[in-house]
Protein backbone atom coordinates (compact mmCIF):
# COMPACT_ATOMS: atom_id res chain seq x y z
CA MET A 1 25.20 -49.61 124.68
CA ASP A 2 28.87 -50.20 124.23
CA LYS A 3 30.80 -47.00 123.50
CA GLU A 4 32.50 -48.50 120.46
CA LEU A 5 29.17 -49.53 118.94
CA LEU A 6 27.71 -46.10 119.64
CA ARG A 7 30.59 -44.46 117.79
CA VAL A 8 29.94 -46.63 114.73
CA VAL A 9 26.23 -45.79 114.73
CA ILE A 10 26.97 -42.06 114.90
CA ILE A 11 29.40 -42.31 111.99
CA LEU A 12 26.84 -44.19 109.86
CA ILE A 13 24.16 -41.62 110.61
CA GLY A 14 26.55 -38.84 109.57
CA LEU A 15 27.31 -40.59 106.30
CA LEU A 16 23.61 -41.02 105.54
CA VAL A 17 23.00 -37.33 106.20
CA MET A 18 25.85 -36.36 103.85
CA ILE A 19 24.56 -38.66 101.13
CA ALA A 20 21.07 -37.23 101.49
CA MET A 21 22.40 -33.66 101.17
CA VAL A 22 24.41 -34.54 98.05
CA LEU A 23 21.38 -36.16 96.42
CA TRP A 24 19.19 -33.18 97.30
CA HIS A 25 21.63 -30.74 95.65
CA PHE A 26 21.92 -32.97 92.57
CA PHE A 27 18.17 -33.18 91.94
CA LYS A 28 17.76 -29.47 92.61
CA SER A 29 20.37 -28.52 89.99
CA LEU A 30 18.84 -30.97 87.52
CA ARG A 31 15.40 -29.40 87.95
CA GLU A 32 16.81 -25.88 87.47
CA ARG A 33 18.58 -26.90 84.26
CA ARG A 34 15.37 -28.44 82.90
CA ASP A 35 13.43 -25.27 83.64
CA SER A 36 16.10 -23.24 81.84
CA ASP A 37 15.84 -25.43 78.72
CA GLU A 38 12.09 -25.05 78.64
CA TYR A 39 12.48 -21.28 78.87
CA LEU A 40 14.75 -21.32 75.84
CA ASP A 41 12.42 -23.51 73.79
CA ASP A 42 12.08 -22.71 70.04
CA ALA A 43 8.51 -21.62 70.51
CA ASP A 44 9.73 -18.58 72.44
CA TYR A 45 11.68 -17.41 69.39
CA GLU A 46 8.69 -17.66 67.14
CA ALA A 47 6.80 -15.16 69.25
CA ASP A 48 8.66 -12.16 67.90
CA ASP A 49 11.11 -11.85 65.01
CA GLU A 50 12.07 -8.29 66.00
CA PHE A 51 13.72 -6.73 69.02
CA GLU A 52 14.21 -3.18 70.12
CA ASN A 53 17.35 -1.36 71.12
CA GLY A 54 16.46 2.11 72.28
CA ASP A 55 14.59 3.80 69.45
CA ASP A 56 15.76 1.29 66.83
CA VAL A 57 13.94 -1.87 65.84
CA TYR A 58 15.97 -4.75 64.42
CA ASP A 59 14.92 -7.82 62.51
CA ALA A 60 16.08 -10.90 64.36
CA PHE A 61 16.40 -12.80 61.06
CA PRO A 62 17.55 -10.21 58.49
CA PHE A 63 18.46 -12.78 55.81
CA GLU A 64 15.27 -14.82 55.99
CA ALA A 65 13.31 -14.82 52.71
CA ASP A 66 10.27 -16.57 51.34
CA VAL A 67 11.23 -19.55 49.19
CA ASP A 68 8.84 -20.96 46.62
CA GLY A 69 9.31 -24.71 46.63
CA ASP A 70 7.60 -25.05 43.26
CA ALA A 71 10.05 -22.58 41.73
CA LEU A 72 12.94 -24.73 42.89
CA LEU A 73 11.44 -27.62 40.95
CA ASP A 74 10.55 -25.63 37.83
CA ASP A 75 11.35 -27.82 34.82
CA ASP A 76 12.24 -24.76 32.75
CA ASP A 77 15.10 -23.95 35.12
CA ILE A 78 16.53 -27.46 35.06
CA LYS A 79 19.26 -27.54 32.43
CA PRO A 80 20.20 -30.91 30.90
CA THR A 81 23.77 -32.02 31.30
CA PRO A 82 25.63 -30.91 28.15
CA LYS A 83 26.92 -33.73 25.99
CA THR A 84 30.66 -33.98 25.48
CA PRO A 85 32.06 -34.01 21.92
CA ALA A 86 32.83 -37.72 22.33
CA VAL A 87 29.23 -38.51 23.28
CA GLU A 88 27.85 -36.44 20.40
CA ALA A 89 30.20 -38.18 17.96
CA ALA A 90 29.08 -41.57 19.26
CA ILE A 91 25.42 -40.60 18.80
CA ARG A 92 26.06 -39.41 15.25
CA GLY A 93 27.99 -42.58 14.49
CA ALA A 94 25.16 -44.77 15.78
CA ALA A 95 22.64 -42.86 13.67
CA LYS A 96 24.78 -43.15 10.53
CA SER A 97 25.18 -46.89 10.99
CA THR A 98 21.49 -47.26 10.10
CA LEU A 99 21.93 -45.49 6.74
CA PRO A 100 22.36 -47.33 3.45
CA GLY A 101 25.99 -47.92 2.58
CA LEU A 102 25.53 -46.82 -1.04
CA ILE A 103 22.96 -44.95 -3.11
CA GLU A 104 23.28 -45.55 -6.85
CA PHE A 105 21.27 -43.81 -9.58
CA SER A 106 21.91 -43.77 -13.32
CA LEU A 107 21.39 -41.41 -16.24
CA VAL A 108 20.79 -43.23 -19.54
CA ALA A 109 21.04 -41.50 -22.93
CA ARG A 110 17.91 -41.29 -25.06
CA ALA A 111 20.04 -41.16 -28.24
CA ASP A 112 21.18 -44.51 -29.63
CA GLU A 113 24.83 -43.42 -29.80
CA GLY A 114 24.85 -42.50 -26.13
CA PHE A 115 26.57 -39.51 -24.53
CA ASN A 116 29.57 -37.97 -26.29
CA GLY A 117 32.69 -37.20 -24.26
CA ASN A 118 32.77 -33.50 -25.17
CA ALA A 119 29.14 -32.99 -24.15
CA LEU A 120 29.75 -34.83 -20.87
CA PHE A 121 32.85 -32.84 -19.91
CA GLU A 122 31.17 -29.53 -20.68
CA ALA A 123 28.02 -30.43 -18.70
CA PHE A 124 30.08 -31.72 -15.75
CA GLU A 125 32.02 -28.48 -15.65
CA ARG A 126 28.83 -26.41 -15.60
CA VAL A 127 27.47 -28.24 -12.54
CA GLY A 128 30.79 -28.00 -10.71
CA LEU A 129 32.00 -31.60 -10.91
CA LYS A 130 35.77 -32.14 -10.91
CA TYR A 131 37.78 -34.67 -12.87
CA GLY A 132 39.53 -36.79 -10.22
CA SER A 133 42.77 -38.74 -10.01
CA VAL A 134 40.92 -42.04 -10.56
CA LYS A 135 39.47 -40.66 -13.82
CA VAL A 136 35.89 -40.21 -12.65
CA PHE A 137 34.10 -36.96 -11.87
CA GLU A 138 33.53 -35.96 -8.26
CA ARG A 139 31.67 -33.43 -6.13
CA ILE A 140 34.27 -31.96 -3.77
CA ASP A 141 33.20 -30.20 -0.57
CA GLN A 142 34.86 -27.27 1.21
CA ASN A 143 37.14 -29.67 3.10
CA ARG A 144 38.37 -31.20 -0.16
CA LEU A 145 36.45 -34.42 0.55
CA VAL A 146 34.31 -36.32 -1.97
CA ASP A 147 30.53 -36.06 -1.51
CA PHE A 148 29.62 -38.23 -4.50
CA ALA A 149 31.09 -39.49 -7.76
CA VAL A 150 30.03 -40.00 -11.39
CA ALA A 151 31.37 -42.90 -13.46
CA SER A 152 30.80 -44.24 -16.97
CA MET A 153 28.58 -47.26 -17.62
CA VAL A 154 31.32 -48.63 -19.86
CA GLU A 155 33.88 -50.80 -18.04
CA PRO A 156 36.05 -49.95 -16.16
CA GLY A 157 33.85 -46.91 -15.47
CA THR A 158 36.47 -44.24 -16.12
CA PHE A 159 36.49 -41.26 -18.49
CA PRO A 160 39.46 -40.67 -20.82
CA ASP A 161 41.69 -37.68 -20.23
CA LYS A 162 42.40 -37.23 -23.96
CA GLN A 163 40.56 -37.62 -27.28
CA ILE A 164 37.32 -37.16 -25.40
CA ASP A 165 35.51 -36.28 -28.62
CA ARG A 166 35.82 -39.93 -29.67
CA PHE A 167 34.43 -41.25 -26.38
CA TYR A 168 30.83 -42.45 -26.12
CA THR A 169 28.93 -44.11 -23.29
CA PRO A 170 25.31 -45.30 -23.10
CA GLY A 171 24.98 -43.73 -19.69
CA ILE A 172 26.61 -42.53 -16.50
CA VAL A 173 26.27 -43.79 -12.91
CA PHE A 174 26.06 -41.59 -9.79
CA TYR A 175 27.38 -43.00 -6.49
CA MET A 176 26.87 -41.60 -3.00
CA GLN A 177 27.95 -43.15 0.34
CA PRO A 178 25.71 -41.59 3.05
CA ARG A 179 27.77 -42.98 5.95
CA GLU A 180 30.91 -41.26 4.71
CA VAL A 181 29.65 -37.67 4.50
CA ASP A 182 29.04 -35.11 7.26
CA SER A 183 25.52 -34.07 6.19
CA PRO A 184 23.89 -36.95 4.30
CA LEU A 185 20.59 -35.20 3.60
CA THR A 186 22.24 -32.01 2.31
CA VAL A 187 24.55 -34.02 0.07
CA PHE A 188 21.64 -36.13 -1.17
CA ASP A 189 19.68 -33.03 -2.18
CA ASP A 190 22.70 -31.79 -4.15
CA PHE A 191 23.07 -35.30 -5.59
CA ILE A 192 19.48 -35.23 -6.92
CA ASP A 193 19.73 -31.64 -8.17
CA THR A 194 22.89 -32.47 -10.10
CA ILE A 195 21.30 -35.54 -11.69
CA ASP A 196 18.19 -33.57 -12.69
CA THR A 197 20.27 -30.77 -14.23
CA LEU A 198 22.42 -33.19 -16.22
CA ALA A 199 19.32 -35.11 -17.35
CA ASP A 200 17.94 -31.91 -18.86
CA GLU A 201 21.22 -30.82 -20.46
CA LEU A 202 22.21 -34.22 -21.84
CA ASP A 203 18.69 -35.48 -22.67
CA GLY A 204 18.75 -38.58 -20.52
CA VAL A 205 16.42 -40.74 -18.42
CA VAL A 206 17.12 -41.14 -14.70
CA TRP A 207 17.03 -44.68 -13.30
CA ASP A 208 16.91 -45.73 -9.67
CA ASN A 209 19.00 -48.54 -8.13
CA GLN A 210 16.52 -51.10 -9.51
CA ARG A 211 17.03 -49.80 -13.07
CA GLN A 212 13.54 -48.34 -13.07
CA PRO A 213 12.62 -44.70 -13.77
CA LEU A 214 13.37 -42.65 -10.66
CA THR A 215 10.16 -41.38 -9.07
CA ALA A 216 9.36 -38.66 -6.55
CA ASP A 217 8.24 -41.37 -4.10
CA THR A 218 11.63 -43.06 -4.24
CA ILE A 219 13.41 -39.75 -3.64
CA ALA A 220 11.08 -38.99 -0.71
CA HIS A 221 11.78 -42.44 0.74
CA PHE A 222 15.54 -41.87 0.69
CA ARG A 223 15.15 -38.38 2.16
CA GLU A 224 13.10 -39.79 5.04
CA ILE A 225 15.85 -42.30 5.81
CA LEU A 226 18.62 -39.69 5.63
CA GLU A 227 16.75 -37.22 7.85
CA LYS A 228 17.32 -39.56 10.80
CA ALA A 229 21.09 -39.13 10.66
């Protein structure tokens, strides 16, 4: 064999041996790393949650606690998101939009001459009605706002501010606007109580908005509507 060719063969054999050694070391280290991972598998930790150090025994997971999944989903502990004032105002406004715009009842005198001005003013004062700037009587709330008003059946519906002893009217009309008051049902109850009291004191007959005698059923119907606000 030619010396030059022999030298090439020897070099190739040496390279193959070196490559084989490198591959052998690579696969050996890979196998050792795999064995190490298996040794540190999670199952090994589950075997014992405690370890010893001399005479002392320590909990490997000191902050672990039992958690009741059902308790986390307890409906009683789930608080609804509080409504903002704007949302609450919008809800109240939507509810009030379904209320009647006006409730109108009347008190008609039994006597042919009607109600006298003096008797009216005295009765209005006893039930707490105030003579307003537009010359009708009004129920004023704590915020100085009008809950309902009382007008005369005689056009233009006002009461005189002088010579009231000469004034007569066949009846008076009570007006309430449920959409304009804060507590429609509360105001309505006061509205009815005031009408009933004046009917007794002035000897009158109460009419509903259809000019028919006001009945308990009609009152209950209006209360049911106003309760929704």
